[in-house]
């Protein structure tokens, strides 16, 4: 709701009607969990994964990609270095059901430039929203695929 208020606001100072009701900020004590979800930190072996999977209970694997090179390398500067001149399909518009939605082939550097403009706009201004979606970047740019490590549990 706050996001839609910010996007539709025409003034430079956003108005938050929700703030006029301070009771929404009351705190409530959460009930204790009778069946907490198992959390495992760090990479696990295939046999550990199969054991957890066969239990038939949900579990959360945490910190399993912290050793990927992508965690340190992937940022806009790196992406521009690797694929600035590559042509990519970009979806333009908020939803594909909108009348003004469309697709365009653009250089990756132009996509990043547009995204930077949109995210730097003052509240209330709308820019052209675009997405790089449904595109096999890892297949087309092997340097990116080399930055991720697929754990053995994926093949289990």
N, C-alpha and C. Protein backbone atom coordinates (compact mmCIF):
# COMPACT_ATOMS: atom_id res chain seq x y z
N UNK A 1 0.82 -1.19 0.00
CA UNK A 1 0.00 0.00 0.00
C UNK A 1 0.86 1.25 0.00
N UNK A 2 1.90 1.26 0.81
CA UNK A 2 2.77 2.43 0.88
C UNK A 2 3.42 2.67 -0.49
N UNK A 3 3.81 1.59 -1.16
CA UNK A 3 4.44 1.73 -2.46
C UNK A 3 3.48 2.39 -3.45
N UNK A 4 2.23 1.95 -3.48
CA UNK A 4 1.29 2.55 -4.42
C UNK A 4 1.03 4.01 -4.09
N UNK A 5 1.03 4.35 -2.81
CA UNK A 5 0.84 5.75 -2.42
C UNK A 5 2.02 6.58 -2.91
N UNK A 6 3.24 6.05 -2.78
CA UNK A 6 4.41 6.78 -3.24
C UNK A 6 4.41 6.95 -4.75
N UNK A 7 4.04 5.90 -5.49
CA UNK A 7 4.05 5.98 -6.93
C UNK A 7 3.00 6.92 -7.48
N UNK A 8 1.85 7.00 -6.81
CA UNK A 8 0.76 7.84 -7.30
C UNK A 8 0.85 9.27 -6.80
N UNK A 9 1.71 9.54 -5.84
CA UNK A 9 1.82 10.87 -5.26
C UNK A 9 2.33 11.86 -6.30
N UNK A 10 1.73 13.02 -6.36
CA UNK A 10 2.17 14.05 -7.30
C UNK A 10 3.05 15.09 -6.62
N UNK A 11 3.08 15.05 -5.29
CA UNK A 11 3.88 16.05 -4.58
C UNK A 11 5.27 15.51 -4.31
N UNK A 12 6.19 16.42 -4.04
CA UNK A 12 7.55 16.02 -3.73
C UNK A 12 7.63 15.38 -2.35
N UNK A 13 6.70 15.69 -1.47
CA UNK A 13 6.70 15.13 -0.12
C UNK A 13 5.63 14.04 -0.08
N UNK A 14 6.03 12.77 0.12
CA UNK A 14 5.04 11.71 0.13
C UNK A 14 4.09 11.83 1.32
N UNK A 15 2.85 11.44 1.08
CA UNK A 15 1.82 11.49 2.13
C UNK A 15 1.48 10.05 2.49
N UNK A 16 1.56 9.72 3.77
CA UNK A 16 1.29 8.36 4.22
C UNK A 16 0.03 8.37 5.08
N UNK A 17 -1.15 8.11 4.48
CA UNK A 17 -2.36 8.12 5.29
C UNK A 17 -2.34 7.06 6.38
N UNK A 18 -1.58 6.01 6.18
CA UNK A 18 -1.52 4.93 7.16
C UNK A 18 -0.91 5.41 8.48
N UNK A 19 -0.05 6.43 8.43
CA UNK A 19 0.61 6.94 9.63
C UNK A 19 -0.35 7.64 10.59
N UNK A 20 -1.53 8.00 10.12
CA UNK A 20 -2.47 8.70 10.98
C UNK A 20 -3.15 7.75 11.98
N UNK A 21 -2.88 6.47 11.87
CA UNK A 21 -3.46 5.49 12.78
C UNK A 21 -2.34 4.80 13.54
N UNK A 22 -1.90 5.38 14.69
CA UNK A 22 -0.76 4.82 15.41
C UNK A 22 -1.03 3.44 16.01
N UNK A 23 -2.28 3.02 16.11
CA UNK A 23 -2.56 1.72 16.71
C UNK A 23 -2.00 0.57 15.88
N UNK A 24 -1.72 0.81 14.60
CA UNK A 24 -1.18 -0.28 13.79
C UNK A 24 0.24 -0.64 14.20
N UNK A 25 0.89 0.23 15.00
CA UNK A 25 2.25 -0.03 15.41
C UNK A 25 2.32 -0.72 16.78
N UNK A 26 1.18 -1.11 17.33
CA UNK A 26 1.20 -1.84 18.60
C UNK A 26 1.89 -3.17 18.37
N UNK A 27 2.57 -3.65 19.37
CA UNK A 27 3.26 -4.93 19.23
C UNK A 27 2.44 -6.02 19.89
N UNK A 28 2.52 -7.17 19.31
CA UNK A 28 1.81 -8.33 19.83
C UNK A 28 2.83 -9.44 20.02
N UNK A 29 2.65 -10.19 21.06
CA UNK A 29 3.56 -11.30 21.31
C UNK A 29 3.14 -12.48 20.44
N UNK A 30 4.10 -13.03 19.74
CA UNK A 30 3.82 -14.18 18.87
C UNK A 30 3.72 -15.44 19.72
N UNK A 31 2.82 -16.32 19.37
CA UNK A 31 2.72 -17.58 20.11
C UNK A 31 3.95 -18.45 19.81
N UNK A 32 4.34 -19.30 20.75
CA UNK A 32 5.48 -20.18 20.49
C UNK A 32 5.14 -21.17 19.37
N UNK A 33 6.14 -21.50 18.58
CA UNK A 33 5.93 -22.45 17.49
C UNK A 33 5.95 -23.87 18.04
N UNK A 34 4.94 -24.63 17.70
CA UNK A 34 4.91 -26.01 18.17
C UNK A 34 5.73 -26.92 17.26
N UNK A 35 5.91 -26.53 16.01
CA UNK A 35 6.70 -27.31 15.05
C UNK A 35 7.63 -26.38 14.28
N UNK A 36 8.70 -25.91 14.91
CA UNK A 36 9.59 -25.00 14.19
C UNK A 36 10.25 -25.69 12.99
N UNK A 37 10.54 -24.90 11.97
CA UNK A 37 11.18 -25.44 10.77
C UNK A 37 12.67 -25.59 11.03
N UNK A 38 13.19 -26.74 10.66
CA UNK A 38 14.61 -27.04 10.83
C UNK A 38 15.43 -26.12 9.93
N UNK A 39 16.47 -25.50 10.49
CA UNK A 39 17.37 -24.62 9.74
C UNK A 39 18.78 -25.22 9.79
N UNK A 40 19.40 -25.35 8.63
CA UNK A 40 20.75 -25.87 8.56
C UNK A 40 21.62 -24.81 7.90
N UNK A 41 22.75 -24.50 8.52
CA UNK A 41 23.62 -23.46 8.00
C UNK A 41 24.80 -24.09 7.28
N UNK A 42 25.11 -23.55 6.13
CA UNK A 42 26.26 -23.99 5.36
C UNK A 42 25.95 -25.14 4.43
N UNK A 43 26.91 -25.46 3.57
CA UNK A 43 26.71 -26.56 2.63
C UNK A 43 26.52 -27.88 3.38
N UNK A 44 25.74 -28.77 2.78
CA UNK A 44 25.54 -30.10 3.35
C UNK A 44 25.86 -31.15 2.29
N UNK A 45 26.12 -32.36 2.74
CA UNK A 45 26.44 -33.44 1.81
C UNK A 45 25.16 -33.96 1.16
N UNK A 46 25.34 -34.71 0.10
CA UNK A 46 24.19 -35.30 -0.59
C UNK A 46 23.44 -36.26 0.34
N UNK A 47 24.16 -37.02 1.14
CA UNK A 47 23.49 -37.96 2.05
C UNK A 47 22.70 -37.20 3.12
N UNK A 48 23.23 -36.08 3.61
CA UNK A 48 22.48 -35.27 4.58
C UNK A 48 21.21 -34.71 3.93
N UNK A 49 21.35 -34.24 2.69
CA UNK A 49 20.20 -33.69 1.98
C UNK A 49 19.12 -34.76 1.79
N UNK A 50 19.52 -35.95 1.36
CA UNK A 50 18.56 -37.04 1.15
C UNK A 50 17.86 -37.42 2.46
N UNK A 51 18.63 -37.43 3.56
CA UNK A 51 18.04 -37.74 4.86
C UNK A 51 16.95 -36.73 5.21
N UNK A 52 17.27 -35.44 5.06
CA UNK A 52 16.31 -34.38 5.37
C UNK A 52 15.09 -34.46 4.45
N UNK A 53 15.34 -34.71 3.19
CA UNK A 53 14.25 -34.78 2.20
C UNK A 53 13.32 -35.96 2.50
N UNK A 54 13.90 -37.07 2.86
CA UNK A 54 13.10 -38.28 3.14
C UNK A 54 12.28 -38.18 4.42
N UNK A 55 12.67 -37.26 5.32
CA UNK A 55 11.87 -37.06 6.53
C UNK A 55 10.49 -36.50 6.19
N UNK A 56 10.39 -35.86 5.03
CA UNK A 56 9.10 -35.32 4.60
C UNK A 56 8.68 -34.07 5.34
N UNK A 57 9.62 -33.40 5.97
CA UNK A 57 9.33 -32.16 6.70
C UNK A 57 10.06 -31.01 6.04
N UNK A 58 9.51 -29.81 6.12
CA UNK A 58 10.21 -28.67 5.51
C UNK A 58 11.51 -28.36 6.25
N UNK A 59 12.47 -27.82 5.50
CA UNK A 59 13.71 -27.37 6.10
C UNK A 59 14.25 -26.21 5.29
N UNK A 60 15.09 -25.40 5.92
CA UNK A 60 15.67 -24.22 5.28
C UNK A 60 17.18 -24.38 5.30
N UNK A 61 17.79 -24.28 4.12
CA UNK A 61 19.24 -24.31 4.01
C UNK A 61 19.73 -22.87 3.97
N UNK A 62 20.53 -22.49 4.94
CA UNK A 62 21.03 -21.11 5.02
C UNK A 62 22.52 -21.07 4.69
N UNK A 63 22.95 -19.94 4.15
CA UNK A 63 24.37 -19.69 3.88
C UNK A 63 25.01 -20.72 2.97
N UNK A 64 24.26 -21.21 1.99
CA UNK A 64 24.84 -22.24 1.13
C UNK A 64 25.50 -21.66 -0.12
N UNK A 65 25.38 -20.36 -0.35
CA UNK A 65 26.04 -19.77 -1.51
C UNK A 65 27.07 -18.72 -1.13
N UNK A 66 27.39 -18.64 0.14
CA UNK A 66 28.32 -17.60 0.59
C UNK A 66 29.72 -17.78 0.01
N UNK A 67 30.08 -18.97 -0.45
CA UNK A 67 31.40 -19.19 -1.03
C UNK A 67 31.43 -19.05 -2.55
N UNK A 68 30.30 -18.70 -3.16
CA UNK A 68 30.26 -18.51 -4.60
C UNK A 68 31.05 -17.27 -4.99
N UNK A 69 31.86 -17.33 -6.04
CA UNK A 69 32.52 -16.13 -6.53
C UNK A 69 31.53 -15.00 -6.87
N UNK A 70 30.34 -15.36 -7.30
CA UNK A 70 29.33 -14.36 -7.65
C UNK A 70 29.00 -13.44 -6.49
N UNK A 71 29.10 -13.93 -5.27
CA UNK A 71 28.75 -13.13 -4.11
C UNK A 71 29.66 -11.91 -3.97
N UNK A 72 30.88 -12.02 -4.46
CA UNK A 72 31.81 -10.88 -4.40
C UNK A 72 31.91 -10.15 -5.73
N UNK A 73 31.78 -10.87 -6.83
CA UNK A 73 32.02 -10.28 -8.14
C UNK A 73 30.80 -9.59 -8.74
N UNK A 74 29.61 -10.11 -8.49
CA UNK A 74 28.43 -9.63 -9.21
C UNK A 74 27.96 -8.28 -8.69
N UNK A 75 28.15 -7.28 -9.49
CA UNK A 75 27.61 -5.95 -9.28
C UNK A 75 27.48 -5.32 -10.65
N UNK A 76 26.91 -4.14 -10.74
CA UNK A 76 26.69 -3.53 -12.05
C UNK A 76 27.99 -3.28 -12.80
N UNK A 77 29.05 -2.90 -12.11
CA UNK A 77 30.32 -2.66 -12.79
C UNK A 77 30.82 -3.94 -13.47
N UNK A 78 30.73 -5.04 -12.75
CA UNK A 78 31.17 -6.33 -13.31
C UNK A 78 30.29 -6.73 -14.49
N UNK A 79 28.97 -6.61 -14.32
CA UNK A 79 28.06 -6.97 -15.41
C UNK A 79 28.34 -6.12 -16.65
N UNK A 80 28.58 -4.84 -16.45
CA UNK A 80 28.88 -3.96 -17.59
C UNK A 80 30.20 -4.34 -18.25
N UNK A 81 31.17 -4.73 -17.43
CA UNK A 81 32.46 -5.17 -17.97
C UNK A 81 32.29 -6.41 -18.84
N UNK A 82 31.46 -7.34 -18.39
CA UNK A 82 31.29 -8.62 -19.06
C UNK A 82 30.31 -8.56 -20.24
N UNK A 83 29.26 -7.74 -20.14
CA UNK A 83 28.22 -7.81 -21.17
C UNK A 83 27.61 -6.48 -21.60
N UNK A 84 28.34 -5.40 -21.48
CA UNK A 84 27.79 -4.08 -21.84
C UNK A 84 27.26 -4.03 -23.26
N UNK A 85 27.95 -4.63 -24.20
CA UNK A 85 27.56 -4.56 -25.62
C UNK A 85 26.63 -5.68 -26.06
N UNK A 86 26.31 -6.59 -25.16
CA UNK A 86 25.43 -7.72 -25.53
C UNK A 86 24.00 -7.23 -25.66
N UNK A 87 23.32 -7.70 -26.69
CA UNK A 87 21.92 -7.36 -26.90
C UNK A 87 21.07 -8.34 -26.10
N UNK A 88 20.14 -7.80 -25.33
CA UNK A 88 19.28 -8.62 -24.47
C UNK A 88 17.81 -8.23 -24.67
N UNK A 89 16.90 -9.18 -24.47
CA UNK A 89 15.47 -8.84 -24.57
C UNK A 89 14.99 -8.23 -23.26
N UNK A 90 14.33 -7.09 -23.35
CA UNK A 90 13.86 -6.38 -22.18
C UNK A 90 12.34 -6.24 -22.28
N UNK A 91 11.68 -6.52 -21.16
CA UNK A 91 10.23 -6.32 -21.07
C UNK A 91 10.00 -4.93 -20.50
N UNK A 92 9.14 -4.16 -21.13
CA UNK A 92 8.89 -2.79 -20.71
C UNK A 92 7.45 -2.66 -20.23
N UNK A 93 7.28 -2.12 -19.03
CA UNK A 93 5.97 -1.96 -18.42
C UNK A 93 5.88 -2.75 -17.13
N UNK A 94 4.89 -2.40 -16.33
CA UNK A 94 4.77 -3.07 -15.02
C UNK A 94 4.24 -4.49 -15.14
N UNK A 95 3.22 -4.69 -15.99
CA UNK A 95 2.60 -6.02 -16.12
C UNK A 95 2.37 -6.31 -17.60
N UNK A 96 2.51 -7.57 -17.98
CA UNK A 96 2.32 -7.91 -19.38
C UNK A 96 0.88 -7.74 -19.83
N UNK A 97 -0.04 -7.59 -18.88
CA UNK A 97 -1.44 -7.38 -19.24
C UNK A 97 -1.77 -5.91 -19.50
N UNK A 98 -0.84 -5.00 -19.19
CA UNK A 98 -1.06 -3.57 -19.43
C UNK A 98 -1.01 -3.28 -20.93
N UNK A 99 -1.75 -2.27 -21.35
CA UNK A 99 -1.78 -1.88 -22.75
C UNK A 99 -0.43 -1.39 -23.25
N UNK A 100 0.33 -0.75 -22.36
CA UNK A 100 1.61 -0.18 -22.78
C UNK A 100 2.79 -1.14 -22.59
N UNK A 101 2.52 -2.40 -22.26
CA UNK A 101 3.59 -3.38 -22.07
C UNK A 101 4.16 -3.78 -23.42
N UNK A 102 5.45 -4.02 -23.47
CA UNK A 102 6.06 -4.46 -24.72
C UNK A 102 7.43 -5.07 -24.47
N UNK A 103 8.05 -5.46 -25.54
CA UNK A 103 9.39 -6.03 -25.47
C UNK A 103 10.28 -5.30 -26.45
N UNK A 104 11.57 -5.24 -26.11
CA UNK A 104 12.54 -4.56 -26.95
C UNK A 104 13.87 -5.25 -26.82
N UNK A 105 14.64 -5.24 -27.90
CA UNK A 105 16.02 -5.71 -27.83
C UNK A 105 16.91 -4.49 -27.63
N UNK A 106 17.70 -4.50 -26.56
CA UNK A 106 18.57 -3.36 -26.26
C UNK A 106 19.93 -3.88 -25.81
N UNK A 107 20.92 -3.03 -25.90
CA UNK A 107 22.23 -3.38 -25.35
C UNK A 107 22.11 -3.37 -23.82
N UNK A 108 22.82 -4.28 -23.19
CA UNK A 108 22.74 -4.38 -21.73
C UNK A 108 23.10 -3.06 -21.06
N UNK A 109 24.08 -2.34 -21.59
CA UNK A 109 24.47 -1.07 -20.98
C UNK A 109 23.31 -0.07 -21.01
N UNK A 110 22.47 -0.10 -22.04
CA UNK A 110 21.31 0.79 -22.11
C UNK A 110 20.24 0.39 -21.11
N UNK A 111 20.09 -0.91 -20.90
CA UNK A 111 19.15 -1.40 -19.90
C UNK A 111 19.56 -0.90 -18.51
N UNK A 112 20.84 -1.03 -18.17
CA UNK A 112 21.34 -0.58 -16.86
C UNK A 112 21.21 0.93 -16.73
N UNK A 113 21.50 1.65 -17.79
CA UNK A 113 21.38 3.12 -17.75
C UNK A 113 19.94 3.53 -17.46
N UNK A 114 18.98 2.89 -18.12
CA UNK A 114 17.56 3.21 -17.88
C UNK A 114 17.16 2.85 -16.46
N UNK A 115 17.60 1.71 -15.99
CA UNK A 115 17.26 1.27 -14.64
C UNK A 115 17.82 2.25 -13.61
N UNK A 116 19.02 2.73 -13.83
CA UNK A 116 19.65 3.68 -12.92
C UNK A 116 18.85 4.99 -12.88
N UNK A 117 18.37 5.42 -14.03
CA UNK A 117 17.55 6.64 -14.08
C UNK A 117 16.26 6.46 -13.30
N UNK A 118 15.58 5.32 -13.49
CA UNK A 118 14.30 5.07 -12.84
C UNK A 118 14.46 5.00 -11.33
N UNK A 119 15.48 4.31 -10.84
CA UNK A 119 15.64 4.16 -9.39
C UNK A 119 16.12 5.44 -8.74
N UNK A 120 16.69 6.37 -9.50
CA UNK A 120 17.15 7.62 -8.93
C UNK A 120 16.14 8.75 -9.01
N UNK A 121 14.94 8.46 -9.50
CA UNK A 121 13.92 9.51 -9.64
C UNK A 121 13.33 9.88 -8.29
N UNK A 122 12.93 11.13 -8.15
CA UNK A 122 12.27 11.54 -6.91
C UNK A 122 10.91 10.86 -6.77
N UNK A 123 10.43 10.69 -5.53
CA UNK A 123 9.12 10.09 -5.32
C UNK A 123 8.05 10.87 -6.10
N UNK A 124 7.13 10.13 -6.68
CA UNK A 124 6.04 10.75 -7.42
C UNK A 124 6.27 10.77 -8.91
N UNK A 125 7.52 10.65 -9.34
CA UNK A 125 7.80 10.62 -10.77
C UNK A 125 7.87 9.17 -11.22
N UNK A 126 7.34 8.93 -12.41
CA UNK A 126 7.38 7.58 -12.95
C UNK A 126 8.32 7.54 -14.14
N UNK A 127 9.13 6.55 -14.17
CA UNK A 127 10.01 6.33 -15.32
C UNK A 127 9.53 5.09 -16.06
N UNK A 128 10.28 4.72 -17.06
CA UNK A 128 9.93 3.54 -17.84
C UNK A 128 10.47 2.30 -17.11
N UNK A 129 9.57 1.50 -16.58
CA UNK A 129 9.96 0.29 -15.85
C UNK A 129 10.29 -0.79 -16.87
N UNK A 130 11.45 -1.40 -16.70
CA UNK A 130 11.85 -2.47 -17.63
C UNK A 130 12.49 -3.62 -16.85
N UNK A 131 12.39 -4.81 -17.43
CA UNK A 131 12.89 -6.02 -16.78
C UNK A 131 13.70 -6.83 -17.78
N UNK A 132 14.77 -7.39 -17.30
CA UNK A 132 15.51 -8.37 -18.06
C UNK A 132 14.99 -9.71 -17.55
N UNK A 133 14.11 -10.32 -18.30
CA UNK A 133 13.42 -11.51 -17.79
C UNK A 133 13.46 -12.63 -18.82
N UNK A 134 13.43 -13.84 -18.32
CA UNK A 134 13.31 -15.03 -19.15
C UNK A 134 14.36 -15.06 -20.26
N UNK A 135 15.59 -14.83 -19.85
CA UNK A 135 16.70 -14.81 -20.80
C UNK A 135 17.83 -15.68 -20.25
N UNK A 136 18.34 -16.62 -21.03
CA UNK A 136 19.37 -17.54 -20.53
C UNK A 136 20.77 -16.93 -20.48
N UNK A 137 20.96 -15.97 -19.58
CA UNK A 137 22.26 -15.29 -19.48
C UNK A 137 23.40 -16.25 -19.17
N UNK A 138 23.15 -17.22 -18.31
CA UNK A 138 24.22 -18.14 -17.92
C UNK A 138 24.68 -19.00 -19.10
N UNK A 139 23.76 -19.31 -20.00
CA UNK A 139 24.14 -20.08 -21.18
C UNK A 139 24.92 -19.22 -22.17
N UNK A 140 24.54 -17.97 -22.31
CA UNK A 140 25.15 -17.11 -23.29
C UNK A 140 26.45 -16.47 -22.81
N UNK A 141 26.61 -16.35 -21.50
CA UNK A 141 27.80 -15.70 -20.96
C UNK A 141 28.45 -16.63 -19.95
N UNK A 142 29.33 -17.51 -20.43
CA UNK A 142 29.95 -18.52 -19.56
C UNK A 142 30.68 -17.93 -18.36
N UNK A 143 31.19 -16.69 -18.48
CA UNK A 143 31.87 -16.08 -17.34
C UNK A 143 30.95 -16.01 -16.13
N UNK A 144 29.65 -15.77 -16.36
CA UNK A 144 28.70 -15.70 -15.24
C UNK A 144 28.46 -17.08 -14.65
N UNK A 145 28.35 -18.07 -15.51
CA UNK A 145 28.11 -19.43 -15.01
C UNK A 145 29.29 -19.93 -14.18
N UNK A 146 30.48 -19.48 -14.52
CA UNK A 146 31.67 -19.87 -13.75
C UNK A 146 31.68 -19.27 -12.35
N UNK A 147 30.83 -18.27 -12.12
CA UNK A 147 30.79 -17.61 -10.82
C UNK A 147 29.85 -18.27 -9.82
N UNK A 148 29.15 -19.31 -10.24
CA UNK A 148 28.27 -20.02 -9.31
C UNK A 148 28.73 -21.46 -9.18
N UNK A 149 28.46 -22.05 -8.05
CA UNK A 149 28.85 -23.43 -7.78
C UNK A 149 27.56 -24.21 -7.51
N UNK A 150 27.28 -25.16 -8.38
CA UNK A 150 26.05 -25.93 -8.20
C UNK A 150 26.34 -27.07 -7.23
N UNK A 151 25.64 -27.05 -6.07
CA UNK A 151 25.92 -28.08 -5.05
C UNK A 151 25.42 -29.46 -5.50
N UNK A 152 26.06 -30.49 -5.00
CA UNK A 152 25.68 -31.85 -5.34
C UNK A 152 24.25 -32.18 -4.97
N UNK A 153 23.70 -31.47 -4.00
CA UNK A 153 22.33 -31.73 -3.57
C UNK A 153 21.32 -31.44 -4.69
N UNK A 154 21.69 -30.62 -5.65
CA UNK A 154 20.80 -30.32 -6.77
C UNK A 154 20.55 -31.58 -7.58
N UNK A 155 21.55 -32.42 -7.67
CA UNK A 155 21.41 -33.63 -8.48
C UNK A 155 20.85 -34.80 -7.69
N UNK A 156 20.57 -34.59 -6.41
CA UNK A 156 20.06 -35.66 -5.55
C UNK A 156 18.64 -35.85 -5.78
